[in-house]
């Protein structure tokens, strides 16, 4: 992967205005768009930890099923008949979020992948193992930041870029949207909270 500002600068930018979906545990419904905690949580496109905080990040999916798969609220393989079962230890809610971004890049595009010298396999592949491998595991390398962590950091650093489309890691024939909340225009992401009977936005 070539996660550099020079490569990112060659990617065409586009606007995005449509509904995307987020799955959360129902107990968090009152703070459904909360993202402050994400700057210390390692995820697919963020290498942040409590000791090394990073930027805030919000993951959305193209439809409710993909949203549930991404957070492992549904377990199994969606391409296998009868292969999906609900996660039995938590209840989940899917939000429909209105998204209005002005500066987005599309990593599902093969030309964009070529510019970054990456592939669908690399964008959806292992990142968890980079934190788990070490001298006491059978496979000890590689460790540190995964390629997707480095890419997420460089995309965040790109001037005015608000987010990017990519492939879902759990259903790679569907899309995910990764948003940088700290770089959004006011109200760029919104949803109607039925508990409070009001529209909530990110940023507020």
N, C-alpha and C. Protein backbone atom coordinates (compact mmCIF):
# COMPACT_ATOMS: atom_id res chain seq x y z
N UNK A 1 0.84 -1.19 0.00
CA UNK A 1 0.00 0.00 0.00
C UNK A 1 0.88 1.25 0.00
N UNK A 2 0.47 2.25 -0.75
CA UNK A 2 1.19 3.52 -0.84
C UNK A 2 0.32 4.61 -0.22
N UNK A 3 0.34 4.66 1.11
CA UNK A 3 -0.49 5.63 1.83
C UNK A 3 0.29 6.91 2.01
N UNK A 4 0.34 7.73 0.98
CA UNK A 4 1.08 8.99 1.03
C UNK A 4 0.18 10.13 0.61
N UNK A 5 0.52 11.34 1.05
CA UNK A 5 -0.26 12.51 0.65
C UNK A 5 -0.18 12.74 -0.85
N UNK A 6 0.96 12.42 -1.45
CA UNK A 6 1.09 12.60 -2.90
C UNK A 6 0.12 11.70 -3.65
N UNK A 7 0.00 10.44 -3.21
CA UNK A 7 -0.93 9.52 -3.87
C UNK A 7 -2.37 9.93 -3.62
N UNK A 8 -2.68 10.33 -2.38
CA UNK A 8 -4.05 10.72 -2.05
C UNK A 8 -4.47 11.96 -2.83
N UNK A 9 -3.54 12.86 -3.09
CA UNK A 9 -3.86 14.09 -3.82
C UNK A 9 -4.31 13.82 -5.25
N UNK A 10 -3.98 12.64 -5.80
CA UNK A 10 -4.38 12.31 -7.17
C UNK A 10 -5.80 11.75 -7.24
N UNK A 11 -6.39 11.43 -6.09
CA UNK A 11 -7.71 10.80 -6.10
C UNK A 11 -8.80 11.83 -6.35
N UNK A 12 -9.73 11.55 -7.26
CA UNK A 12 -10.84 12.48 -7.48
C UNK A 12 -11.74 12.57 -6.27
N UNK A 13 -12.26 13.76 -6.02
CA UNK A 13 -13.17 13.97 -4.88
C UNK A 13 -14.59 14.16 -5.38
N UNK A 14 -15.52 13.82 -4.53
CA UNK A 14 -16.93 13.91 -4.89
C UNK A 14 -17.73 14.27 -3.65
N UNK A 15 -18.95 14.71 -3.88
CA UNK A 15 -19.88 14.96 -2.77
C UNK A 15 -20.67 13.69 -2.49
N UNK A 16 -21.26 13.63 -1.33
CA UNK A 16 -22.07 12.48 -0.93
C UNK A 16 -23.30 12.97 -0.18
N UNK A 17 -24.48 12.63 -0.69
CA UNK A 17 -25.72 13.05 -0.03
C UNK A 17 -26.73 11.92 -0.15
N UNK A 18 -26.85 11.13 0.91
CA UNK A 18 -27.78 10.00 0.92
C UNK A 18 -27.89 9.47 2.34
N UNK A 19 -28.70 8.45 2.51
CA UNK A 19 -28.87 7.81 3.80
C UNK A 19 -27.91 6.63 3.95
N UNK A 20 -27.20 6.61 5.08
CA UNK A 20 -26.34 5.48 5.45
C UNK A 20 -26.83 4.95 6.80
N UNK A 21 -26.28 3.82 7.23
CA UNK A 21 -26.82 3.14 8.40
C UNK A 21 -25.74 2.82 9.43
N UNK A 22 -26.13 2.92 10.70
CA UNK A 22 -25.23 2.60 11.80
C UNK A 22 -25.94 1.67 12.78
N UNK A 23 -25.27 0.60 13.17
CA UNK A 23 -25.82 -0.31 14.17
C UNK A 23 -25.15 -0.04 15.51
N UNK A 24 -25.96 0.11 16.55
CA UNK A 24 -25.44 0.32 17.91
C UNK A 24 -26.23 -0.57 18.87
N UNK A 25 -25.65 -0.85 20.02
CA UNK A 25 -26.41 -1.54 21.05
C UNK A 25 -27.52 -0.61 21.54
N UNK A 26 -28.69 -1.18 21.76
CA UNK A 26 -29.87 -0.38 22.11
C UNK A 26 -29.64 0.45 23.37
N UNK A 27 -28.83 -0.03 24.27
CA UNK A 27 -28.57 0.73 25.50
C UNK A 27 -27.84 2.04 25.24
N UNK A 28 -27.26 2.18 24.04
CA UNK A 28 -26.56 3.42 23.69
C UNK A 28 -27.40 4.35 22.82
N UNK A 29 -28.68 4.06 22.68
CA UNK A 29 -29.51 4.83 21.76
C UNK A 29 -29.56 6.31 22.12
N UNK A 30 -29.48 6.62 23.39
CA UNK A 30 -29.53 8.02 23.80
C UNK A 30 -28.33 8.83 23.35
N UNK A 31 -27.23 8.16 23.02
CA UNK A 31 -26.02 8.84 22.53
C UNK A 31 -25.59 8.22 21.21
N UNK A 32 -26.54 8.09 20.31
CA UNK A 32 -26.35 7.29 19.10
C UNK A 32 -25.24 7.79 18.19
N UNK A 33 -24.99 9.09 18.15
CA UNK A 33 -23.95 9.64 17.28
C UNK A 33 -22.67 9.99 18.05
N UNK A 34 -22.53 9.48 19.26
CA UNK A 34 -21.34 9.78 20.05
C UNK A 34 -20.09 9.21 19.39
N UNK A 35 -19.06 10.04 19.27
CA UNK A 35 -17.81 9.60 18.65
C UNK A 35 -16.58 9.98 19.46
N UNK A 36 -16.75 10.69 20.57
CA UNK A 36 -15.60 11.18 21.32
C UNK A 36 -14.68 10.05 21.77
N UNK A 37 -15.27 8.89 22.08
CA UNK A 37 -14.48 7.76 22.57
C UNK A 37 -13.63 7.10 21.48
N UNK A 38 -13.95 7.36 20.22
CA UNK A 38 -13.29 6.62 19.14
C UNK A 38 -11.83 7.02 18.94
N UNK A 39 -11.40 8.13 19.53
CA UNK A 39 -10.00 8.53 19.34
C UNK A 39 -9.04 7.75 20.23
N UNK A 40 -9.57 6.80 21.02
CA UNK A 40 -8.71 5.92 21.81
C UNK A 40 -8.99 4.45 21.54
N UNK A 41 -9.79 4.16 20.51
CA UNK A 41 -10.20 2.78 20.21
C UNK A 41 -9.59 2.35 18.87
N UNK A 42 -8.86 1.24 18.89
CA UNK A 42 -8.31 0.70 17.65
C UNK A 42 -9.44 0.12 16.80
N UNK A 43 -9.46 0.47 15.53
CA UNK A 43 -10.46 -0.05 14.61
C UNK A 43 -9.80 -0.23 13.25
N UNK A 44 -10.58 -0.60 12.28
CA UNK A 44 -10.04 -0.97 10.97
C UNK A 44 -9.18 0.13 10.34
N UNK A 45 -9.62 1.38 10.43
CA UNK A 45 -8.87 2.48 9.82
C UNK A 45 -8.31 3.45 10.86
N UNK A 46 -8.15 2.99 12.07
CA UNK A 46 -7.55 3.82 13.12
C UNK A 46 -6.70 2.96 14.04
N UNK A 47 -5.45 3.34 14.20
CA UNK A 47 -4.56 2.65 15.12
C UNK A 47 -4.55 3.26 16.50
N UNK A 48 -5.55 4.04 16.85
CA UNK A 48 -5.58 4.75 18.13
C UNK A 48 -5.65 3.78 19.30
N UNK A 49 -5.04 4.18 20.41
CA UNK A 49 -5.12 3.45 21.68
C UNK A 49 -5.25 4.46 22.81
N UNK A 50 -5.60 4.03 24.02
CA UNK A 50 -5.64 4.97 25.14
C UNK A 50 -4.31 5.66 25.38
N UNK A 51 -3.21 4.96 25.14
CA UNK A 51 -1.88 5.56 25.34
C UNK A 51 -1.44 6.42 24.16
N UNK A 52 -1.99 6.15 22.99
CA UNK A 52 -1.66 6.92 21.78
C UNK A 52 -2.95 7.31 21.07
N UNK A 53 -3.66 8.32 21.58
CA UNK A 53 -4.92 8.72 20.97
C UNK A 53 -4.73 9.19 19.52
N UNK A 54 -5.78 9.02 18.75
CA UNK A 54 -5.75 9.47 17.36
C UNK A 54 -6.93 10.39 17.08
N UNK A 55 -7.44 10.32 15.86
CA UNK A 55 -8.57 11.15 15.48
C UNK A 55 -9.88 10.39 15.70
N UNK A 56 -10.97 11.14 15.76
CA UNK A 56 -12.29 10.52 15.86
C UNK A 56 -12.68 9.91 14.52
N UNK A 57 -13.51 8.88 14.57
CA UNK A 57 -13.89 8.19 13.34
C UNK A 57 -15.30 7.62 13.50
N UNK A 58 -16.07 7.65 12.43
CA UNK A 58 -17.44 7.13 12.42
C UNK A 58 -17.59 6.20 11.24
N UNK A 59 -18.07 4.98 11.50
CA UNK A 59 -18.28 3.99 10.46
C UNK A 59 -19.78 3.85 10.18
N UNK A 60 -20.14 3.89 8.90
CA UNK A 60 -21.52 3.70 8.47
C UNK A 60 -21.55 2.64 7.38
N UNK A 61 -22.72 2.08 7.12
CA UNK A 61 -22.85 1.01 6.13
C UNK A 61 -23.97 1.35 5.15
N UNK A 62 -23.94 0.69 3.99
CA UNK A 62 -24.88 1.06 2.93
C UNK A 62 -26.30 0.57 3.18
N UNK A 63 -26.47 -0.46 4.02
CA UNK A 63 -27.82 -0.93 4.34
C UNK A 63 -27.82 -1.54 5.75
N UNK A 64 -28.99 -1.78 6.32
CA UNK A 64 -29.05 -2.28 7.70
C UNK A 64 -28.34 -3.61 7.91
N UNK A 65 -28.44 -4.54 6.95
CA UNK A 65 -27.79 -5.83 7.14
C UNK A 65 -26.27 -5.68 7.24
N UNK A 66 -25.69 -4.87 6.37
CA UNK A 66 -24.24 -4.66 6.41
C UNK A 66 -23.84 -3.98 7.72
N UNK A 67 -24.65 -3.05 8.18
CA UNK A 67 -24.35 -2.39 9.46
C UNK A 67 -24.30 -3.40 10.60
N UNK A 68 -25.23 -4.35 10.62
CA UNK A 68 -25.25 -5.37 11.67
C UNK A 68 -24.08 -6.33 11.53
N UNK A 69 -23.71 -6.66 10.31
CA UNK A 69 -22.55 -7.53 10.09
C UNK A 69 -21.27 -6.85 10.55
N UNK A 70 -21.13 -5.57 10.28
CA UNK A 70 -19.89 -4.86 10.60
C UNK A 70 -19.61 -4.83 12.10
N UNK A 71 -20.65 -4.76 12.91
CA UNK A 71 -20.44 -4.71 14.37
C UNK A 71 -20.60 -6.10 15.00
N UNK A 72 -20.74 -7.12 14.16
CA UNK A 72 -20.90 -8.51 14.60
C UNK A 72 -22.15 -8.71 15.45
N UNK A 73 -23.18 -7.94 15.14
CA UNK A 73 -24.50 -8.21 15.70
C UNK A 73 -25.14 -9.39 14.99
N UNK A 74 -24.71 -9.64 13.75
CA UNK A 74 -25.04 -10.86 13.02
C UNK A 74 -23.75 -11.64 12.84
N UNK A 75 -23.80 -12.92 13.12
CA UNK A 75 -22.62 -13.78 13.04
C UNK A 75 -22.81 -14.80 11.93
N UNK A 76 -21.69 -15.18 11.28
CA UNK A 76 -21.75 -16.17 10.23
C UNK A 76 -21.50 -15.56 8.87
N UNK A 77 -21.79 -16.35 7.83
CA UNK A 77 -21.54 -15.95 6.45
C UNK A 77 -22.85 -15.65 5.74
N UNK A 78 -23.03 -14.40 5.26
CA UNK A 78 -24.30 -14.06 4.60
C UNK A 78 -24.51 -14.80 3.29
N UNK A 79 -23.44 -15.34 2.69
CA UNK A 79 -23.58 -16.05 1.41
C UNK A 79 -23.94 -17.51 1.60
N UNK A 80 -23.96 -17.99 2.84
CA UNK A 80 -24.32 -19.38 3.13
C UNK A 80 -25.79 -19.45 3.54
N UNK A 81 -26.61 -20.26 2.86
CA UNK A 81 -28.03 -20.36 3.25
C UNK A 81 -28.17 -20.73 4.73
N UNK A 82 -28.92 -19.94 5.46
CA UNK A 82 -29.08 -20.18 6.89
C UNK A 82 -27.83 -19.90 7.69
N UNK A 83 -26.89 -19.18 7.09
CA UNK A 83 -25.58 -18.99 7.72
C UNK A 83 -25.48 -17.84 8.69
N UNK A 84 -26.51 -17.02 8.82
CA UNK A 84 -26.47 -15.88 9.73
C UNK A 84 -27.30 -16.14 10.98
N UNK A 85 -26.71 -15.84 12.13
CA UNK A 85 -27.45 -15.94 13.39
C UNK A 85 -27.22 -14.66 14.17
N UNK A 86 -28.20 -14.19 14.93
CA UNK A 86 -28.01 -12.97 15.71
C UNK A 86 -27.09 -13.20 16.91
N UNK A 87 -26.33 -12.18 17.25
CA UNK A 87 -25.50 -12.23 18.45
C UNK A 87 -26.43 -12.31 19.66
N UNK A 88 -26.32 -13.35 20.49
CA UNK A 88 -27.35 -13.59 21.50
C UNK A 88 -27.23 -12.78 22.78
N UNK A 89 -26.13 -12.07 22.98
CA UNK A 89 -25.89 -11.45 24.29
C UNK A 89 -26.13 -9.94 24.32
N UNK A 90 -26.67 -9.39 23.24
CA UNK A 90 -26.95 -7.95 23.22
C UNK A 90 -28.09 -7.67 22.26
N UNK A 91 -28.81 -6.59 22.51
CA UNK A 91 -29.85 -6.15 21.57
C UNK A 91 -29.31 -4.94 20.80
N UNK A 92 -29.68 -4.87 19.53
CA UNK A 92 -29.11 -3.88 18.63
C UNK A 92 -30.20 -3.07 17.95
N UNK A 93 -29.85 -1.85 17.59
CA UNK A 93 -30.73 -0.95 16.86
C UNK A 93 -29.96 -0.41 15.66
N UNK A 94 -30.64 -0.27 14.54
CA UNK A 94 -30.02 0.30 13.34
C UNK A 94 -30.58 1.69 13.10
N UNK A 95 -29.69 2.66 12.98
CA UNK A 95 -30.06 4.04 12.73
C UNK A 95 -29.95 4.35 11.25
N UNK A 96 -30.87 5.14 10.73
CA UNK A 96 -30.72 5.67 9.38
C UNK A 96 -30.23 7.11 9.49
N UNK A 97 -29.01 7.34 9.06
CA UNK A 97 -28.37 8.65 9.21
C UNK A 97 -28.31 9.35 7.86
N UNK A 98 -28.74 10.59 7.83
CA UNK A 98 -28.62 11.41 6.62
C UNK A 98 -27.22 12.00 6.57
N UNK A 99 -26.54 11.77 5.46
CA UNK A 99 -25.15 12.20 5.31
C UNK A 99 -25.06 13.21 4.18
N UNK A 100 -24.37 14.31 4.45
CA UNK A 100 -24.17 15.35 3.44
C UNK A 100 -22.71 15.82 3.51
N UNK A 101 -21.87 15.19 2.70
CA UNK A 101 -20.44 15.52 2.67
C UNK A 101 -20.10 16.21 1.36
N UNK A 102 -19.10 17.07 1.41
CA UNK A 102 -18.66 17.79 0.22
C UNK A 102 -17.37 17.23 -0.37
N UNK A 103 -16.54 16.61 0.47
CA UNK A 103 -15.22 16.14 0.03
C UNK A 103 -15.02 14.69 0.45
N UNK A 104 -15.16 13.79 -0.52
CA UNK A 104 -15.10 12.36 -0.27
C UNK A 104 -14.27 11.70 -1.36
N UNK A 105 -13.51 10.66 -1.02
CA UNK A 105 -12.86 9.84 -2.04
C UNK A 105 -13.44 8.43 -1.97
N UNK A 106 -13.39 7.73 -3.10
CA UNK A 106 -14.04 6.43 -3.23
C UNK A 106 -12.99 5.34 -3.42
N UNK A 107 -12.72 4.57 -2.37
CA UNK A 107 -11.72 3.51 -2.45
C UNK A 107 -12.28 2.21 -3.00
N UNK A 108 -13.57 2.18 -3.34
CA UNK A 108 -14.09 1.01 -4.05
C UNK A 108 -13.75 1.08 -5.53
N UNK A 109 -13.30 2.24 -5.98
CA UNK A 109 -12.94 2.45 -7.38
C UNK A 109 -11.57 1.83 -7.66
N UNK A 110 -11.47 1.04 -8.71
CA UNK A 110 -10.21 0.35 -9.01
C UNK A 110 -9.08 1.32 -9.33
N UNK A 111 -9.40 2.45 -9.95
CA UNK A 111 -8.37 3.44 -10.25
C UNK A 111 -7.80 4.03 -8.96
N UNK A 112 -8.66 4.26 -7.97
CA UNK A 112 -8.19 4.76 -6.68
C UNK A 112 -7.32 3.72 -5.98
N UNK A 113 -7.71 2.46 -6.05
CA UNK A 113 -6.90 1.40 -5.46
C UNK A 113 -5.54 1.32 -6.14
N UNK A 114 -5.52 1.48 -7.46
CA UNK A 114 -4.25 1.44 -8.18
C UNK A 114 -3.35 2.60 -7.77
N UNK A 115 -3.92 3.79 -7.59
CA UNK A 115 -3.13 4.96 -7.20
C UNK A 115 -2.51 4.77 -5.82
N UNK A 116 -3.20 4.06 -4.95
CA UNK A 116 -2.70 3.81 -3.60
C UNK A 116 -1.92 2.50 -3.51
N UNK A 117 -1.80 1.81 -4.64
CA UNK A 117 -1.11 0.51 -4.69
C UNK A 117 -1.68 -0.45 -3.66
N UNK A 118 -3.01 -0.53 -3.64
CA UNK A 118 -3.68 -1.43 -2.72
C UNK A 118 -4.71 -2.25 -3.48
N UNK A 119 -5.50 -3.03 -2.76
CA UNK A 119 -6.47 -3.92 -3.39
C UNK A 119 -7.64 -4.13 -2.44
N UNK A 120 -8.71 -4.71 -2.97
CA UNK A 120 -9.85 -5.05 -2.12
C UNK A 120 -9.42 -6.00 -1.01
N UNK A 121 -8.53 -6.93 -1.32
CA UNK A 121 -8.08 -7.88 -0.31
C UNK A 121 -7.36 -7.17 0.84
N UNK A 122 -6.49 -6.20 0.52
CA UNK A 122 -5.76 -5.49 1.57
C UNK A 122 -6.69 -4.58 2.37
N UNK A 123 -7.63 -3.93 1.70
CA UNK A 123 -8.55 -3.01 2.39
C UNK A 123 -9.48 -3.74 3.35
N UNK A 124 -9.76 -5.01 3.08
CA UNK A 124 -10.70 -5.76 3.92
C UNK A 124 -10.02 -6.81 4.78
N UNK A 125 -8.69 -6.92 4.71
CA UNK A 125 -7.97 -8.00 5.37
C UNK A 125 -7.63 -7.76 6.82
N UNK A 126 -6.70 -8.56 7.32
CA UNK A 126 -6.33 -8.57 8.74
C UNK A 126 -5.78 -7.23 9.20
N UNK A 127 -6.34 -6.71 10.28
CA UNK A 127 -5.73 -5.60 11.00
C UNK A 127 -5.66 -5.90 12.50
N UNK A 128 -6.53 -6.77 12.97
CA UNK A 128 -6.55 -7.12 14.39
C UNK A 128 -5.25 -7.79 14.81
N UNK A 129 -4.72 -8.66 13.94
CA UNK A 129 -3.52 -9.41 14.28
C UNK A 129 -2.30 -8.56 14.54
N UNK A 130 -2.26 -7.35 13.99
CA UNK A 130 -1.12 -6.47 14.21
C UNK A 130 -0.99 -6.09 15.69
N UNK A 131 -2.10 -6.11 16.42
CA UNK A 131 -2.09 -5.81 17.85
C UNK A 131 -1.92 -7.08 18.70
N UNK A 132 -2.20 -8.25 18.13
CA UNK A 132 -2.19 -9.48 18.90
C UNK A 132 -0.90 -10.27 18.78
N UNK A 133 -0.22 -10.15 17.64
CA UNK A 133 1.01 -10.92 17.46
C UNK A 133 2.13 -10.38 18.34
N UNK A 134 3.04 -11.26 18.72
CA UNK A 134 4.16 -10.85 19.56
C UNK A 134 5.06 -12.03 19.86
N UNK A 135 6.03 -11.85 20.75
CA UNK A 135 7.00 -12.91 21.03
C UNK A 135 6.39 -14.17 21.63
N UNK A 136 5.18 -14.09 22.17
CA UNK A 136 4.57 -15.25 22.82
C UNK A 136 3.49 -15.90 21.97
N UNK A 137 3.33 -15.45 20.71
CA UNK A 137 2.38 -16.09 19.80
C UNK A 137 3.13 -16.90 18.76
N UNK A 138 2.47 -17.91 18.20
CA UNK A 138 3.13 -18.78 17.23
C UNK A 138 3.64 -17.99 16.03
N UNK A 139 2.82 -17.08 15.53
CA UNK A 139 3.24 -16.14 14.48
C UNK A 139 3.50 -14.81 15.16
N UNK A 140 4.73 -14.33 15.10
CA UNK A 140 5.11 -13.15 15.89
C UNK A 140 5.15 -11.85 15.10
N UNK A 141 5.11 -11.91 13.77
CA UNK A 141 5.20 -10.72 12.93
C UNK A 141 4.19 -10.83 11.80
N UNK A 142 3.77 -9.70 11.23
CA UNK A 142 4.09 -8.31 11.55
C UNK A 142 3.26 -7.77 12.71
N UNK A 143 3.75 -6.71 13.32
CA UNK A 143 3.05 -6.04 14.41
C UNK A 143 3.03 -4.54 14.13
N UNK A 144 2.53 -3.77 15.10
CA UNK A 144 2.50 -2.31 14.93
C UNK A 144 1.23 -1.86 14.25
N UNK A 145 1.36 -0.85 13.40
CA UNK A 145 0.20 -0.34 12.66
C UNK A 145 -0.06 -1.18 11.42
N UNK A 146 -1.30 -1.54 11.21
CA UNK A 146 -1.69 -2.23 9.99
C UNK A 146 -1.70 -1.25 8.82
N UNK A 147 -1.58 -1.75 7.57
CA UNK A 147 -1.66 -0.84 6.42
C UNK A 147 -2.92 0.02 6.41
N UNK A 148 -4.05 -0.53 6.84
CA UNK A 148 -5.27 0.27 6.85
C UNK A 148 -5.22 1.36 7.92
N UNK A 149 -4.48 1.12 9.02
CA UNK A 149 -4.30 2.17 10.03
C UNK A 149 -3.51 3.34 9.44
N UNK A 150 -2.44 3.01 8.72
CA UNK A 150 -1.62 4.06 8.11
C UNK A 150 -2.42 4.82 7.06
N UNK A 151 -3.23 4.09 6.29
CA UNK A 151 -4.05 4.74 5.27
C UNK A 151 -5.08 5.67 5.92
N UNK A 152 -5.75 5.20 6.96
CA UNK A 152 -6.73 6.04 7.65
C UNK A 152 -6.11 7.32 8.18
N UNK A 153 -4.90 7.22 8.72
CA UNK A 153 -4.21 8.40 9.24
C UNK A 153 -3.90 9.39 8.12
N UNK A 154 -3.38 8.89 7.00
CA UNK A 154 -3.03 9.77 5.89
C UNK A 154 -4.27 10.41 5.27
N UNK A 155 -5.35 9.66 5.17
CA UNK A 155 -6.59 10.24 4.64
C UNK A 155 -7.11 11.33 5.57
N UNK A 156 -7.00 11.12 6.87
CA UNK A 156 -7.42 12.15 7.81
C UNK A 156 -6.59 13.42 7.65
N UNK A 157 -5.32 13.26 7.36
CA UNK A 157 -4.42 14.41 7.22
C UNK A 157 -4.62 15.17 5.91
N UNK A 158 -5.28 14.56 4.93
CA UNK A 158 -5.48 15.21 3.64
C UNK A 158 -6.36 16.45 3.80
N UNK A 159 -5.96 17.59 3.26
CA UNK A 159 -6.71 18.84 3.45
C UNK A 159 -8.17 18.72 3.01
N UNK A 160 -9.08 19.12 3.88
CA UNK A 160 -10.51 19.24 3.61
C UNK A 160 -11.23 17.92 3.37
N UNK A 161 -10.53 16.79 3.40
CA UNK A 161 -11.19 15.51 3.14
C UNK A 161 -12.03 15.11 4.35
N UNK A 162 -13.32 14.85 4.12
CA UNK A 162 -14.26 14.56 5.21
C UNK A 162 -14.46 13.07 5.45
N UNK A 163 -14.09 12.24 4.49
CA UNK A 163 -14.28 10.81 4.66
C UNK A 163 -14.02 10.07 3.37
N UNK A 164 -14.36 8.78 3.38
CA UNK A 164 -14.13 7.97 2.17
C UNK A 164 -15.06 6.76 2.16
N UNK A 165 -15.38 6.34 0.95
CA UNK A 165 -16.09 5.07 0.75
C UNK A 165 -15.06 3.96 0.68
N UNK A 166 -15.43 2.79 1.17
CA UNK A 166 -14.57 1.62 1.05
C UNK A 166 -15.45 0.38 1.00
N UNK A 167 -14.82 -0.77 0.90
CA UNK A 167 -15.56 -2.02 0.90
C UNK A 167 -15.86 -2.43 2.33
N UNK A 168 -17.02 -3.01 2.55
CA UNK A 168 -17.31 -3.61 3.84
C UNK A 168 -16.36 -4.78 4.06
N UNK A 169 -15.79 -4.88 5.27
CA UNK A 169 -14.91 -5.99 5.57
C UNK A 169 -15.69 -7.29 5.80
N UNK A 170 -16.94 -7.18 6.24
CA UNK A 170 -17.74 -8.36 6.54
C UNK A 170 -18.56 -8.83 5.34
N UNK A 171 -18.87 -7.93 4.43
CA UNK A 171 -19.61 -8.26 3.21
C UNK A 171 -18.97 -7.45 2.09
N UNK A 172 -17.82 -7.89 1.56
CA UNK A 172 -17.01 -7.06 0.67
C UNK A 172 -17.58 -6.80 -0.72
N UNK A 173 -18.81 -7.21 -0.95
CA UNK A 173 -19.54 -6.84 -2.17
C UNK A 173 -20.51 -5.71 -1.84
N UNK A 174 -20.40 -5.13 -0.65
CA UNK A 174 -21.16 -3.96 -0.23
C UNK A 174 -20.19 -2.86 0.21
N UNK A 175 -20.75 -1.65 0.43
CA UNK A 175 -19.92 -0.49 0.77
C UNK A 175 -20.03 -0.11 2.24
N UNK A 176 -18.98 0.51 2.71
CA UNK A 176 -18.98 1.18 4.01
C UNK A 176 -18.55 2.62 3.78
N UNK A 177 -18.95 3.49 4.68
CA UNK A 177 -18.56 4.89 4.64
C UNK A 177 -17.82 5.22 5.93
N UNK A 178 -16.62 5.77 5.80
CA UNK A 178 -15.81 6.16 6.95
C UNK A 178 -15.77 7.68 6.98
N UNK A 179 -16.17 8.26 8.10
CA UNK A 179 -16.32 9.71 8.23
C UNK A 179 -15.38 10.22 9.32
N UNK A 180 -14.79 11.39 9.07
CA UNK A 180 -13.93 12.05 10.06
C UNK A 180 -14.72 13.17 10.74
N UNK A 181 -15.33 12.91 11.89
CA UNK A 181 -16.23 13.90 12.52
C UNK A 181 -15.59 15.26 12.77
N UNK A 182 -14.30 15.29 13.08
CA UNK A 182 -13.64 16.56 13.40
C UNK A 182 -13.43 17.44 12.18
N UNK A 183 -13.70 16.90 10.98
CA UNK A 183 -13.50 17.67 9.76
C UNK A 183 -14.81 18.00 9.05
N UNK A 184 -15.93 17.70 9.68
CA UNK A 184 -17.23 17.90 9.04
C UNK A 184 -17.73 19.33 9.17
N UNK A 185 -18.55 19.72 8.20
CA UNK A 185 -19.32 20.95 8.31
C UNK A 185 -20.47 20.71 9.30
N UNK A 186 -20.96 21.77 9.99
CA UNK A 186 -22.05 21.59 10.95
C UNK A 186 -23.25 20.87 10.34
N UNK A 187 -23.75 19.86 11.04
CA UNK A 187 -24.93 19.15 10.59
C UNK A 187 -24.71 18.20 9.44
N UNK A 188 -23.48 17.83 9.14
CA UNK A 188 -23.20 16.97 7.99
C UNK A 188 -23.79 15.58 8.13
N UNK A 189 -23.92 15.11 9.37
CA UNK A 189 -24.56 13.82 9.64
C UNK A 189 -25.70 14.07 10.62
N UNK A 190 -26.87 13.52 10.34
CA UNK A 190 -28.01 13.75 11.23
C UNK A 190 -28.92 12.53 11.26
N UNK A 191 -29.66 12.42 12.37
CA UNK A 191 -30.71 11.40 12.46
C UNK A 191 -31.77 11.87 13.45
N UNK A 192 -32.98 11.36 13.31
CA UNK A 192 -34.07 11.73 14.22
C UNK A 192 -34.09 10.77 15.39
N UNK A 193 -33.86 11.29 16.60
CA UNK A 193 -33.84 10.49 17.82
C UNK A 193 -35.27 10.38 18.37
N UNK A 194 -35.89 9.19 18.29
CA UNK A 194 -37.28 9.07 18.75
C UNK A 194 -37.41 9.18 20.26
N UNK A 195 -36.34 8.93 21.00
CA UNK A 195 -36.41 9.05 22.46
C UNK A 195 -36.53 10.51 22.88
N UNK A 196 -35.85 11.37 22.15
CA UNK A 196 -35.86 12.79 22.49
C UNK A 196 -36.77 13.61 21.59
N UNK A 197 -37.32 12.96 20.56
CA UNK A 197 -38.22 13.63 19.62
C UNK A 197 -37.55 14.86 19.00
N UNK A 198 -36.33 14.66 18.55
CA UNK A 198 -35.62 15.76 17.91
C UNK A 198 -34.55 15.21 16.98
N UNK A 199 -34.14 16.04 16.03
CA UNK A 199 -33.06 15.67 15.13
C UNK A 199 -31.72 16.00 15.78
N UNK A 200 -30.82 15.03 15.78
CA UNK A 200 -29.49 15.23 16.33
C UNK A 200 -28.48 15.23 15.20
N UNK A 201 -27.44 16.02 15.35
CA UNK A 201 -26.49 16.20 14.26
C UNK A 201 -25.05 15.98 14.72
N UNK A 202 -24.21 15.72 13.76
CA UNK A 202 -22.78 15.60 13.98
C UNK A 202 -22.06 16.38 12.89
N UNK A 203 -21.26 17.38 13.25
CA UNK A 203 -21.13 17.98 14.58
C UNK A 203 -22.44 18.67 14.97
N UNK A 204 -22.56 18.98 16.27
CA UNK A 204 -23.78 19.63 16.74
C UNK A 204 -23.84 21.07 16.26
